[in-house]
Amino acid sequence: MIEILKKHKKAIYLYGGLFTGFLFLIFIAIITQSTPYSSTKFYNPVAIDLGFAQIAWYAIFILTGISIGAYLAYEEFKKLGWNTDLLFDALLIAVPLSIIGSRLYYVVFDPNPNYSDFIDVININNGGLSIHGAVITAFIFVIIFTKKKKLNFWLLADILAIGFFVGQIVGRWGNFMNAEAYGPIIESQFILNILPDFIKNQMNIGLRGDIYHPTFLYEGMWNFVGLVFLLIARRKRWFKVGDMFGLYLIWYGLGRGAIIEPLRTGGDPGDALRMFGLPANIILSLTLFMLGGAAIIFVKKLIYKDQKYYVDMLVDSNNQEVISVEETV
């Protein structure tokens, strides 16, 4: 029996880890809140009602985004010649930590804190999660993880950038199901004409039948442009290792801080977060993300001058470095 376990140790480790992760994600899906359904909404934000608990569409979209991002990372690990087991190790730790980080970010910047004990602080069933906290937590985790596993931090950060874009694009449809993360009333007839009916129906929030700007959609489209660019760029000799992570921070920070957040008027608990009396999400987006991304690219060029181009880090099936077309010209 012991010999059988040793022989199939890798398979047991892999599928056991996946099963554990799956149970954790189901748990998160059950306890994640959804906005109560009302007759003004076209779609019910609750996907499955178990009687004793509800699984919200919001949670399903978030977990779907994580899953797609993890799959893309898995494929990239293989192209880089990295042990894919390390990815599952990272995900089993990083996902729970990022959820905790997103909650703590909300609690710290909540302008009306009402947390009587530790349970209230960690109770995400009552709402209050922020992507900003998740990004910050994941970034810190990657620093520690890559140092311990002796991996290239900048290379893994570039992979993480793709995963965050995917997660945010898919996850934003959870806001759609909750009819939240919206802007002011749409005054432009042109916008009303080009928006699909199912979007307008869900954004028909006001009692007068007014349709509000679907800022969740605008943010998703902004991030989609960034995602497509990075997916193309990482197969070209355009950027060196780590640059794409910096570009992700710049693109996301600029879009969220200068375009989306100023347009949003309510519907999402995160809109109320404050830092020094100002909207926390705008400050963090424009400084920590956008300026932080620019600093990463600038400082990296000064300190890590010998960094390779990302595409030059790829390997073929024989684990040999791939030479890009541009390099042979």
C-alpha atoms as a PDB file:
ATOM      1  CA  MET A   1       0.000   0.000   0.000  1.00  0.00           C
ATOM      2  CA  ILE A   2       2.823   2.360   0.923  1.00  0.00           C
ATOM      3  CA  GLU A   3       4.596   1.557  -2.350  1.00  0.00           C
ATOM      4  CA  ILE A   4       1.430   2.368  -4.309  1.00  0.00           C
ATOM      5  CA  LEU A   5       1.119   5.699  -2.518  1.00  0.00           C
ATOM      6  CA  LYS A   6       4.741   6.514  -3.277  1.00  0.00           C
ATOM      7  CA  LYS A   7       4.325   5.545  -6.923  1.00  0.00           C
ATOM      8  CA  HIS A   8       1.303   7.788  -7.379  1.00  0.00           C
ATOM      9  CA  LYS A   9       2.438  10.498  -4.984  1.00  0.00           C
ATOM     10  CA  LYS A  10       2.400  13.215  -7.643  1.00  0.00           C
ATOM     11  CA  ALA A  11      -1.114  12.361  -8.837  1.00  0.00           C
ATOM     12  CA  ILE A  12      -2.449  12.173  -5.277  1.00  0.00           C
ATOM     13  CA  TYR A  13      -0.797  15.481  -4.464  1.00  0.00           C
ATOM     14  CA  LEU A  14      -2.184  17.165  -7.560  1.00  0.00           C
ATOM     15  CA  TYR A  15      -5.775  15.909  -7.422  1.00  0.00           C
ATOM     16  CA  GLY A  16      -5.915  16.148  -3.651  1.00  0.00           C
ATOM     17  CA  GLY A  17      -4.866  19.770  -3.871  1.00  0.00           C
ATOM     18  CA  LEU A  18      -7.372  20.480  -6.610  1.00  0.00           C
ATOM     19  CA  PHE A  19     -10.172  18.832  -4.621  1.00  0.00           C
ATOM     20  CA  THR A  20      -9.276  20.839  -1.520  1.00  0.00           C
ATOM     21  CA  GLY A  21      -9.183  24.029  -3.560  1.00  0.00           C
ATOM     22  CA  PHE A  22     -12.531  23.177  -5.152  1.00  0.00           C
ATOM     23  CA  LEU A  23     -14.163  22.706  -1.743  1.00  0.00           C
ATOM     24  CA  PHE A  24     -12.738  26.038  -0.596  1.00  0.00           C
ATOM     25  CA  LEU A  25     -14.078  27.833  -3.663  1.00  0.00           C
ATOM     26  CA  ILE A  26     -17.531  26.274  -3.163  1.00  0.00           C
ATOM     27  CA  PHE A  27     -17.449  27.497   0.439  1.00  0.00           C
ATOM     28  CA  ILE A  28     -16.625  31.023  -0.731  1.00  0.00           C
ATOM     29  CA  ALA A  29     -19.378  30.840  -3.350  1.00  0.00           C
ATOM     30  CA  ILE A  30     -21.942  29.956  -0.707  1.00  0.00           C
ATOM     31  CA  ILE A  31     -21.035  32.661   1.809  1.00  0.00           C
ATOM     32  CA  THR A  32     -20.445  35.484  -0.681  1.00  0.00           C
ATOM     33  CA  GLN A  33     -23.369  37.849  -0.583  1.00  0.00           C
ATOM     34  CA  SER A  34     -25.662  38.859  -3.390  1.00  0.00           C
ATOM     35  CA  THR A  35     -27.819  41.943  -3.545  1.00  0.00           C
ATOM     36  CA  PRO A  36     -31.425  41.092  -2.575  1.00  0.00           C
ATOM     37  CA  TYR A  37     -33.650  40.521  -5.580  1.00  0.00           C
ATOM     38  CA  SER A  38     -36.306  43.075  -6.387  1.00  0.00           C
ATOM     39  CA  SER A  39     -38.908  43.459  -9.103  1.00  0.00           C
ATOM     40  CA  THR A  40     -36.882  46.265 -10.694  1.00  0.00           C
ATOM     41  CA  LYS A  41     -34.119  43.833 -11.665  1.00  0.00           C
ATOM     42  CA  PHE A  42     -34.254  41.795 -14.814  1.00  0.00           C
ATOM     43  CA  TYR A  43     -31.979  39.053 -13.490  1.00  0.00           C
ATOM     44  CA  ASN A  44     -32.000  37.391 -10.093  1.00  0.00           C
ATOM     45  CA  PRO A  45     -28.531  37.749  -8.492  1.00  0.00           C
ATOM     46  CA  VAL A  46     -28.972  34.374  -6.765  1.00  0.00           C
ATOM     47  CA  ALA A  47     -27.894  31.501  -9.001  1.00  0.00           C
ATOM     48  CA  ILE A  48     -28.772  28.580  -6.695  1.00  0.00           C
ATOM     49  CA  ASP A  49     -30.919  28.627  -3.581  1.00  0.00           C
ATOM     50  CA  LEU A  50     -30.070  25.671  -1.352  1.00  0.00           C
ATOM     51  CA  GLY A  51     -32.603  26.640   1.281  1.00  0.00           C
ATOM     52  CA  PHE A  52     -30.035  26.883   4.066  1.00  0.00           C
ATOM     53  CA  ALA A  53     -27.674  28.955   1.897  1.00  0.00           C
ATOM     54  CA  GLN A  54     -27.535  30.748  -1.441  1.00  0.00           C
ATOM     55  CA  ILE A  55     -24.898  30.706  -4.172  1.00  0.00           C
ATOM     56  CA  ALA A  56     -24.702  34.121  -5.800  1.00  0.00           C
ATOM     57  CA  TRP A  57     -23.945  34.778  -9.448  1.00  0.00           C
ATOM     58  CA  TYR A  58     -21.404  37.305  -8.170  1.00  0.00           C
ATOM     59  CA  ALA A  59     -19.372  34.524  -6.593  1.00  0.00           C
ATOM     60  CA  ILE A  60     -19.717  32.265  -9.629  1.00  0.00           C
ATOM     61  CA  PHE A  61     -18.345  34.930 -11.958  1.00  0.00           C
ATOM     62  CA  ILE A  62     -15.438  35.646  -9.617  1.00  0.00           C
ATOM     63  CA  LEU A  63     -14.551  31.958  -9.339  1.00  0.00           C
ATOM     64  CA  THR A  64     -14.895  31.548 -13.105  1.00  0.00           C
ATOM     65  CA  GLY A  65     -12.463  34.405 -13.625  1.00  0.00           C
ATOM     66  CA  ILE A  66     -10.008  32.830 -11.197  1.00  0.00           C
ATOM     67  CA  SER A  67     -10.326  29.470 -12.937  1.00  0.00           C
ATOM     68  CA  ILE A  68      -9.708  30.890 -16.423  1.00  0.00           C
ATOM     69  CA  GLY A  69      -6.766  32.915 -15.148  1.00  0.00           C
ATOM     70  CA  ALA A  70      -5.340  29.800 -13.474  1.00  0.00           C
ATOM     71  CA  TYR A  71      -5.675  27.807 -16.702  1.00  0.00           C
ATOM     72  CA  LEU A  72      -3.840  30.460 -18.722  1.00  0.00           C
ATOM     73  CA  ALA A  73      -1.121  30.536 -16.062  1.00  0.00           C
ATOM     74  CA  TYR A  74      -0.865  26.727 -16.189  1.00  0.00           C
ATOM     75  CA  GLU A  75      -0.300  26.828 -19.958  1.00  0.00           C
ATOM     76  CA  GLU A  76       2.295  29.579 -19.564  1.00  0.00           C
ATOM     77  CA  PHE A  77       4.139  27.626 -16.864  1.00  0.00           C
ATOM     78  CA  LYS A  78       4.547  24.804 -19.373  1.00  0.00           C
ATOM     79  CA  LYS A  79       5.833  27.193 -22.043  1.00  0.00           C
ATOM     80  CA  LEU A  80       8.394  28.532 -19.562  1.00  0.00           C
ATOM     81  CA  GLY A  81       9.487  25.046 -18.552  1.00  0.00           C
ATOM     82  CA  TRP A  82       8.353  25.552 -14.953  1.00  0.00           C
ATOM     83  CA  ASN A  83       6.959  22.816 -12.721  1.00  0.00           C
ATOM     84  CA  THR A  84       3.181  23.259 -12.850  1.00  0.00           C
ATOM     85  CA  ASP A  85       2.875  21.825  -9.335  1.00  0.00           C
ATOM     86  CA  LEU A  86       4.301  25.138  -8.121  1.00  0.00           C
ATOM     87  CA  LEU A  87       1.323  26.931  -9.650  1.00  0.00           C
ATOM     88  CA  PHE A  88      -1.160  24.818  -7.692  1.00  0.00           C
ATOM     89  CA  ASP A  89       0.903  25.385  -4.546  1.00  0.00           C
ATOM     90  CA  ALA A  90       0.661  29.119  -5.120  1.00  0.00           C
ATOM     91  CA  LEU A  91      -3.059  29.153  -5.953  1.00  0.00           C
ATOM     92  CA  LEU A  92      -4.064  27.187  -2.860  1.00  0.00           C
ATOM     93  CA  ILE A  93      -2.433  29.866  -0.726  1.00  0.00           C
ATOM     94  CA  ALA A  94      -2.794  33.012  -2.832  1.00  0.00           C
ATOM     95  CA  VAL A  95      -6.554  32.788  -3.495  1.00  0.00           C
ATOM     96  CA  PRO A  96      -7.610  32.605   0.184  1.00  0.00           C
ATOM     97  CA  LEU A  97      -5.055  35.278   1.129  1.00  0.00           C
ATOM     98  CA  SER A  98      -6.278  37.586  -1.632  1.00  0.00           C
ATOM     99  CA  ILE A  99      -9.874  37.237  -0.438  1.00  0.00           C
ATOM    100  CA  ILE A 100      -8.737  38.092   3.081  1.00  0.00           C
ATOM    101  CA  GLY A 101      -6.703  41.020   1.744  1.00  0.00           C
ATOM    102  CA  SER A 102      -9.635  42.356  -0.236  1.00  0.00           C
ATOM    103  CA  ARG A 103     -11.768  42.237   2.902  1.00  0.00           C
ATOM    104  CA  LEU A 104      -9.151  43.913   5.112  1.00  0.00           C
ATOM    105  CA  TYR A 105      -8.740  46.707   2.572  1.00  0.00           C
ATOM    106  CA  TYR A 106     -12.467  47.380   2.787  1.00  0.00           C
ATOM    107  CA  VAL A 107     -12.465  47.310   6.598  1.00  0.00           C
ATOM    108  CA  VAL A 108      -9.471  49.671   6.894  1.00  0.00           C
ATOM    109  CA  PHE A 109     -10.965  52.325   4.607  1.00  0.00           C
ATOM    110  CA  ASP A 110     -14.618  51.908   5.607  1.00  0.00           C
ATOM    111  CA  PRO A 111     -15.835  55.440   6.527  1.00  0.00           C
ATOM    112  CA  ASN A 112     -18.555  54.017   8.770  1.00  0.00           C
ATOM    113  CA  PRO A 113     -16.922  51.113  10.601  1.00  0.00           C
ATOM    114  CA  ASN A 114     -19.299  49.008  12.636  1.00  0.00           C
ATOM    115  CA  TYR A 115     -17.327  45.934  13.585  1.00  0.00           C
ATOM    116  CA  SER A 116     -17.991  44.744  17.114  1.00  0.00           C
ATOM    117  CA  ASP A 117     -15.686  41.726  16.990  1.00  0.00           C
ATOM    118  CA  PHE A 118     -13.302  39.716  14.799  1.00  0.00           C
ATOM    119  CA  ILE A 119     -16.182  37.800  13.223  1.00  0.00           C
ATOM    120  CA  ASP A 120     -17.643  41.057  11.909  1.00  0.00           C
ATOM    121  CA  VAL A 121     -14.279  41.930  10.382  1.00  0.00           C
ATOM    122  CA  ILE A 122     -13.977  38.702   8.391  1.00  0.00           C
ATOM    123  CA  ASN A 123     -17.696  38.304   7.651  1.00  0.00           C
ATOM    124  CA  ILE A 124     -17.785  38.800   3.863  1.00  0.00           C
ATOM    125  CA  ASN A 125     -21.386  37.589   3.858  1.00  0.00           C
ATOM    126  CA  ASN A 126     -22.310  41.156   4.771  1.00  0.00           C
ATOM    127  CA  GLY A 127     -20.420  42.502   1.778  1.00  0.00           C
ATOM    128  CA  GLY A 128     -17.287  44.564   1.526  1.00  0.00           C
ATOM    129  CA  LEU A 129     -14.566  43.224  -0.795  1.00  0.00           C
ATOM    130  CA  SER A 130     -12.163  45.241  -2.936  1.00  0.00           C
ATOM    131  CA  ILE A 131     -10.002  44.209  -5.879  1.00  0.00           C
ATOM    132  CA  HIS A 132      -7.382  46.706  -4.698  1.00  0.00           C
ATOM    133  CA  GLY A 133      -6.773  44.696  -1.544  1.00  0.00           C
ATOM    134  CA  ALA A 134      -6.593  41.470  -3.546  1.00  0.00           C
ATOM    135  CA  VAL A 135      -3.983  42.890  -5.942  1.00  0.00           C
ATOM    136  CA  ILE A 136      -1.827  44.235  -3.105  1.00  0.00           C
ATOM    137  CA  THR A 137      -2.027  40.938  -1.191  1.00  0.00           C
ATOM    138  CA  ALA A 138      -1.209  38.856  -4.262  1.00  0.00           C
ATOM    139  CA  PHE A 139       1.772  41.095  -5.071  1.00  0.00           C
ATOM    140  CA  ILE A 140       3.219  40.631  -1.576  1.00  0.00           C
ATOM    141  CA  PHE A 141       2.599  36.891  -1.732  1.00  0.00           C
ATOM    142  CA  VAL A 142       4.391  36.567  -5.084  1.00  0.00           C
ATOM    143  CA  ILE A 143       7.461  38.317  -3.646  1.00  0.00           C
ATOM    144  CA  ILE A 144       7.643  35.804  -0.798  1.00  0.00           C
ATOM    145  CA  PHE A 145       6.708  32.771  -2.894  1.00  0.00           C
ATOM    146  CA  THR A 146       9.236  33.397  -5.669  1.00  0.00           C
ATOM    147  CA  LYS A 147      12.015  33.974  -3.159  1.00  0.00           C
ATOM    148  CA  LYS A 148      11.233  30.729  -1.339  1.00  0.00           C
ATOM    149  CA  LYS A 149      10.837  28.650  -4.512  1.00  0.00           C
ATOM    150  CA  LYS A 150      13.757  30.411  -6.259  1.00  0.00           C
ATOM    151  CA  LEU A 151      11.636  31.554  -9.215  1.00  0.00           C
ATOM    152  CA  ASN A 152      11.998  34.702 -11.283  1.00  0.00           C
ATOM    153  CA  PHE A 153       9.755  37.219  -9.529  1.00  0.00           C
ATOM    154  CA  TRP A 154       9.320  39.484 -12.551  1.00  0.00           C
ATOM    155  CA  LEU A 155       8.410  36.577 -14.790  1.00  0.00           C
ATOM    156  CA  LEU A 156       5.701  35.338 -12.422  1.00  0.00           C
ATOM    157  CA  ALA A 157       4.446  38.917 -11.997  1.00  0.00           C
ATOM    158  CA  ASP A 158       3.936  39.130 -15.774  1.00  0.00           C
ATOM    159  CA  ILE A 159       1.851  35.936 -15.642  1.00  0.00           C
ATOM    160  CA  LEU A 160      -0.085  37.371 -12.698  1.00  0.00           C
ATOM    161  CA  ALA A 161      -0.923  40.487 -14.734  1.00  0.00           C
ATOM    162  CA  ILE A 162      -2.739  38.364 -17.325  1.00  0.00           C
ATOM    163  CA  GLY A 163      -4.614  36.523 -14.576  1.00  0.00           C
ATOM    164  CA  PHE A 164      -5.739  39.749 -12.921  1.00  0.00           C
ATOM    165  CA  PHE A 165      -7.022  41.170 -16.188  1.00  0.00           C
ATOM    166  CA  VAL A 166      -9.024  37.999 -16.863  1.00  0.00           C
ATOM    167  CA  GLY A 167     -10.365  37.834 -13.313  1.00  0.00           C
ATOM    168  CA  GLN A 168     -11.487  41.453 -13.366  1.00  0.00           C
ATOM    169  CA  ILE A 169     -13.113  41.196 -16.801  1.00  0.00           C
ATOM    170  CA  VAL A 170     -15.152  38.108 -15.910  1.00  0.00           C
ATOM    171  CA  GLY A 171     -15.761  39.098 -12.299  1.00  0.00           C
ATOM    172  CA  ARG A 172     -17.322  42.427 -13.274  1.00  0.00           C
ATOM    173  CA  TRP A 173     -20.344  40.554 -14.600  1.00  0.00           C
ATOM    174  CA  GLY A 174     -21.077  39.756 -10.979  1.00  0.00           C
ATOM    175  CA  ASN A 175     -21.717  43.483 -10.571  1.00  0.00           C
ATOM    176  CA  PHE A 176     -24.070  43.245 -13.535  1.00  0.00           C
ATOM    177  CA  MET A 177     -26.088  40.494 -11.856  1.00  0.00           C
ATOM    178  CA  ASN A 178     -26.255  42.567  -8.674  1.00  0.00           C
ATOM    179  CA  ALA A 179     -27.208  45.713 -10.641  1.00  0.00           C
ATOM    180  CA  GLU A 180     -24.405  47.652  -8.968  1.00  0.00           C
ATOM    181  CA  ALA A 181     -21.207  49.557  -9.829  1.00  0.00           C
ATOM    182  CA  TYR A 182     -23.130  52.015 -11.973  1.00  0.00           C
ATOM    183  CA  GLY A 183     -22.705  55.647 -12.894  1.00  0.00           C
ATOM    184  CA  PRO A 184     -25.143  58.555 -13.350  1.00  0.00           C
ATOM    185  CA  ILE A 185     -28.299  58.476 -15.451  1.00  0.00           C
ATOM    186  CA  ILE A 186     -27.539  58.112 -19.157  1.00  0.00           C
ATOM    187  CA  GLU A 187     -28.442  61.316 -20.969  1.00  0.00           C
ATOM    188  CA  SER A 188     -26.934  60.426 -24.356  1.00  0.00           C
ATOM    189  CA  GLN A 189     -29.344  58.880 -26.829  1.00  0.00           C
ATOM    190  CA  PHE A 190     -26.372  57.498 -28.776  1.00  0.00           C
ATOM    191  CA  ILE A 191     -25.231  55.411 -25.775  1.00  0.00           C
ATOM    192  CA  LEU A 192     -28.779  54.226 -25.163  1.00  0.00           C
ATOM    193  CA  ASN A 193     -29.019  53.105 -28.779  1.00  0.00           C
ATOM    194  CA  ILE A 194     -25.798  51.060 -28.752  1.00  0.00           C
ATOM    195  CA  LEU A 195     -26.258  49.395 -25.365  1.00  0.00           C
ATOM    196  CA  PRO A 196     -27.830  45.904 -25.574  1.00  0.00           C
ATOM    197  CA  ASP A 197     -31.328  45.606 -24.134  1.00  0.00           C
ATOM    198  CA  PHE A 198     -30.287  43.137 -21.419  1.00  0.00           C
ATOM    199  CA  ILE A 199     -27.753  45.688 -20.114  1.00  0.00           C
ATOM    200  CA  LYS A 200     -30.309  48.503 -20.134  1.00  0.00           C
ATOM    201  CA  ASN A 201     -32.890  46.323 -18.402  1.00  0.00           C
ATOM    202  CA  GLN A 202     -30.496  45.544 -15.537  1.00  0.00           C
ATOM    203  CA  MET A 203     -29.372  49.187 -15.292  1.00  0.00           C
ATOM    204  CA  ASN A 204     -32.989  50.369 -15.097  1.00  0.00           C
ATOM    205  CA  ILE A 205     -32.541  51.090 -11.404  1.00  0.00           C
ATOM    206  CA  GLY A 206     -34.436  54.306 -10.740  1.00  0.00           C
ATOM    207  CA  LEU A 207     -38.116  54.446  -9.909  1.00  0.00           C
ATOM    208  CA  ARG A 208     -38.727  56.688 -12.921  1.00  0.00           C
ATOM    209  CA  GLY A 209     -37.377  54.108 -15.333  1.00  0.00           C
ATOM    210  CA  ASP A 210     -34.023  55.868 -15.714  1.00  0.00           C
ATOM    211  CA  ILE A 211     -31.127  53.838 -17.101  1.00  0.00           C
ATOM    212  CA  TYR A 212     -27.755  54.313 -15.438  1.00  0.00           C
ATOM    213  CA  HIS A 213     -24.275  54.085 -16.950  1.00  0.00           C
ATOM    214  CA  PRO A 214     -23.002  50.475 -16.666  1.00  0.00           C
ATOM    215  CA  THR A 215     -19.536  51.407 -15.420  1.00  0.00           C
ATOM    216  CA  PHE A 216     -18.851  47.737 -14.691  1.00  0.00           C
ATOM    217  CA  LEU A 217     -19.107  47.209 -18.467  1.00  0.00           C
ATOM    218  CA  TYR A 218     -16.849  50.163 -19.250  1.00  0.00           C
ATOM    219  CA  GLU A 219     -14.210  48.867 -16.853  1.00  0.00           C
ATOM    220  CA  GLY A 220     -14.466  45.377 -18.325  1.00  0.00           C
ATOM    221  CA  MET A 221     -14.010  46.726 -21.855  1.00  0.00           C
ATOM    222  CA  TRP A 222     -11.034  48.851 -20.745  1.00  0.00           C
ATOM    223  CA  ASN A 223      -9.391  45.831 -19.151  1.00  0.00           C
ATOM    224  CA  PHE A 224     -10.169  43.674 -22.192  1.00  0.00           C
ATOM    225  CA  VAL A 225      -8.170  46.055 -24.395  1.00  0.00           C
ATOM    226  CA  GLY A 226      -5.273  45.806 -21.943  1.00  0.00           C
ATOM    227  CA  LEU A 227      -5.535  42.013 -21.859  1.00  0.00           C
ATOM    228  CA  VAL A 228      -5.470  41.635 -25.653  1.00  0.00           C
ATOM    229  CA  PHE A 229      -2.467  43.940 -25.880  1.00  0.00           C
ATOM    230  CA  LEU A 230      -0.486  41.971 -23.281  1.00  0.00           C
ATOM    231  CA  LEU A 231      -1.398  38.620 -24.842  1.00  0.00           C
ATOM    232  CA  ILE A 232       0.008  39.868 -28.149  1.00  0.00           C
ATOM    233  CA  ALA A 233       2.981  41.668 -26.609  1.00  0.00           C
ATOM    234  CA  ARG A 234       4.257  38.678 -24.666  1.00  0.00           C
ATOM    235  CA  ARG A 235       4.830  36.775 -27.904  1.00  0.00           C
ATOM    236  CA  LYS A 236       6.824  39.665 -29.410  1.00  0.00           C
ATOM    237  CA  ARG A 237      10.201  41.114 -28.487  1.00  0.00           C
ATOM    238  CA  TRP A 238       8.577  44.302 -27.269  1.00  0.00           C
ATOM    239  CA  PHE A 239       9.032  44.160 -23.510  1.00  0.00           C
ATOM    240  CA  LYS A 240      11.501  42.702 -21.090  1.00  0.00           C
ATOM    241  CA  VAL A 241      10.607  40.521 -18.127  1.00  0.00           C
ATOM    242  CA  GLY A 242       8.569  42.490 -15.590  1.00  0.00           C
ATOM    243  CA  ASP A 243       7.559  45.287 -17.948  1.00  0.00           C
ATOM    244  CA  MET A 244       4.139  43.791 -18.626  1.00  0.00           C
ATOM    245  CA  PHE A 245       3.320  43.722 -14.930  1.00  0.00           C
ATOM    246  CA  GLY A 246       4.213  47.405 -14.752  1.00  0.00           C
ATOM    247  CA  LEU A 247       2.049  48.077 -17.807  1.00  0.00           C
ATOM    248  CA  TYR A 248      -0.852  46.242 -16.189  1.00  0.00           C
ATOM    249  CA  LEU A 249      -0.605  48.476 -13.113  1.00  0.00           C
ATOM    250  CA  ILE A 250      -0.438  51.602 -15.274  1.00  0.00           C
ATOM    251  CA  TRP A 251      -3.349  50.611 -17.521  1.00  0.00           C
ATOM    252  CA  TYR A 252      -5.573  49.419 -14.693  1.00  0.00           C
ATOM    253  CA  GLY A 253      -4.684  52.342 -12.428  1.00  0.00           C
ATOM    254  CA  LEU A 254      -5.329  54.922 -15.140  1.00  0.00           C
ATOM    255  CA  GLY A 255      -8.637  53.409 -16.221  1.00  0.00           C
ATOM    256  CA  ARG A 256      -9.957  52.788 -12.719  1.00  0.00           C
ATOM    257  CA  GLY A 257      -8.668  55.972 -11.089  1.00  0.00           C
ATOM    258  CA  ALA A 258      -9.144  58.556 -13.829  1.00  0.00           C
ATOM    259  CA  ILE A 259     -12.115  57.207 -15.785  1.00  0.00           C
ATOM    260  CA  ILE A 260     -14.258  54.599 -14.017  1.00  0.00           C
ATOM    261  CA  GLU A 261     -14.219  55.680 -10.355  1.00  0.00           C
ATOM    262  CA  PRO A 262     -15.016  59.371 -11.024  1.00  0.00           C
ATOM    263  CA  LEU A 263     -17.977  58.206 -13.121  1.00  0.00           C
ATOM    264  CA  ARG A 264     -19.377  55.794 -10.550  1.00  0.00           C
ATOM    265  CA  THR A 265     -22.106  57.207  -8.330  1.00  0.00           C
ATOM    266  CA  GLY A 266     -23.109  54.233  -6.198  1.00  0.00           C
ATOM    267  CA  GLY A 267     -24.528  50.776  -5.937  1.00  0.00           C
ATOM    268  CA  ASP A 268     -21.281  49.208  -4.753  1.00  0.00           C
ATOM    269  CA  PRO A 269     -20.160  49.316  -1.084  1.00  0.00           C
ATOM    270  CA  GLY A 270     -16.595  49.981  -2.244  1.00  0.00           C
ATOM    271  CA  ASP A 271     -17.623  53.367  -3.646  1.00  0.00           C
ATOM    272  CA  ALA A 272     -17.951  54.724  -0.115  1.00  0.00           C
ATOM    273  CA  LEU A 273     -14.390  53.874   1.009  1.00  0.00           C
ATOM    274  CA  ARG A 274     -12.381  56.919   2.060  1.00  0.00           C
ATOM    275  CA  MET A 275      -8.713  57.793   2.585  1.00  0.00           C
ATOM    276  CA  PHE A 276      -7.991  61.203   4.135  1.00  0.00           C
ATOM    277  CA  GLY A 277     -11.592  62.089   3.326  1.00  0.00           C
ATOM    278  CA  LEU A 278     -11.123  61.332  -0.380  1.00  0.00           C
ATOM    279  CA  PRO A 279     -12.286  58.292  -2.390  1.00  0.00           C
ATOM    280  CA  ALA A 280      -9.812  55.554  -1.490  1.00  0.00           C
ATOM    281  CA  ASN A 281     -10.175  53.677  -4.765  1.00  0.00           C
ATOM    282  CA  ILE A 282      -9.249  56.751  -6.805  1.00  0.00           C
ATOM    283  CA  ILE A 283      -6.188  57.533  -4.668  1.00  0.00           C
ATOM    284  CA  LEU A 284      -4.948  53.937  -4.647  1.00  0.00           C
ATOM    285  CA  SER A 285      -5.589  53.499  -8.372  1.00  0.00           C
ATOM    286  CA  LEU A 286      -3.727  56.629  -9.420  1.00  0.00           C
ATOM    287  CA  THR A 287      -0.819  56.317  -6.986  1.00  0.00           C
ATOM    288  CA  LEU A 288      -0.135  52.745  -5.919  1.00  0.00           C
ATOM    289  CA  PHE A 289      -1.086  51.218  -9.264  1.00  0.00           C
ATOM    290  CA  MET A 290      -0.449  53.731 -12.037  1.00  0.00           C
ATOM    291  CA  LEU A 291       2.555  55.510 -10.490  1.00  0.00           C
ATOM    292  CA  GLY A 292       3.751  52.238  -8.967  1.00  0.00           C
ATOM    293  CA  GLY A 293       3.723  50.604 -12.379  1.00  0.00           C
ATOM    294  CA  ALA A 294       5.693  53.456 -13.899  1.00  0.00           C
ATOM    295  CA  ALA A 295       8.199  53.261 -11.041  1.00  0.00           C
ATOM    296  CA  ILE A 296       8.619  49.503 -11.529  1.00  0.00           C
ATOM    297  CA  ILE A 297       9.466  49.922 -15.204  1.00  0.00           C
ATOM    298  CA  PHE A 298      11.811  52.856 -14.557  1.00  0.00           C
ATOM    299  CA  VAL A 299      13.629  51.382 -11.543  1.00  0.00           C
ATOM    300  CA  LYS A 300      13.883  47.957 -13.141  1.00  0.00           C
ATOM    301  CA  LYS A 301      15.655  49.418 -16.153  1.00  0.00           C
ATOM    302  CA  LEU A 302      18.188  51.053 -13.836  1.00  0.00           C
ATOM    303  CA  ILE A 303      18.818  48.112 -11.497  1.00  0.00           C
ATOM    304  CA  TYR A 304      18.026  45.012 -13.551  1.00  0.00           C
ATOM    305  CA  LYS A 305      19.642  46.067 -16.815  1.00  0.00           C
ATOM    306  CA  ASP A 306      20.408  42.501 -17.921  1.00  0.00           C
ATOM    307  CA  GLN A 307      16.759  41.344 -17.996  1.00  0.00           C
ATOM    308  CA  LYS A 308      15.825  39.265 -21.035  1.00  0.00           C
ATOM    309  CA  TYR A 309      12.851  39.871 -23.262  1.00  0.00           C
ATOM    310  CA  TYR A 310       9.851  37.902 -22.041  1.00  0.00           C
ATOM    311  CA  VAL A 311       9.537  35.896 -25.253  1.00  0.00           C
ATOM    312  CA  ASP A 312      13.172  34.792 -24.937  1.00  0.00           C
ATOM    313  CA  MET A 313      12.289  33.004 -21.686  1.00  0.00           C
ATOM    314  CA  LEU A 314       9.997  30.539 -23.448  1.00  0.00           C
ATOM    315  CA  VAL A 315      11.178  26.991 -24.058  1.00  0.00           C
ATOM    316  CA  ASP A 316      10.240  24.355 -26.604  1.00  0.00           C
ATOM    317  CA  SER A 317       9.199  20.758 -25.938  1.00  0.00           C
ATOM    318  CA  ASN A 318      12.840  19.775 -25.414  1.00  0.00           C
ATOM    319  CA  ASN A 319      13.211  22.472 -22.767  1.00  0.00           C
ATOM    320  CA  GLN A 320      15.465  24.507 -25.045  1.00  0.00           C
ATOM    321  CA  GLU A 321      15.174  28.284 -25.242  1.00  0.00           C
ATOM    322  CA  VAL A 322      13.023  29.548 -28.094  1.00  0.00           C
ATOM    323  CA  ILE A 323      14.668  32.123 -30.329  1.00  0.00           C
ATOM    324  CA  SER A 324      12.153  34.693 -31.526  1.00  0.00           C
ATOM    325  CA  VAL A 325      11.755  35.562 -35.194  1.00  0.00           C
ATOM    326  CA  GLU A 326      12.864  39.145 -34.594  1.00  0.00           C
ATOM    327  CA  GLU A 327      16.114  37.968 -32.993  1.00  0.00           C
ATOM    328  CA  THR A 328      17.163  36.029 -36.075  1.00  0.00           C
ATOM    329  CA  VAL A 329      16.706  38.993 -38.383  1.00  0.00           C
END
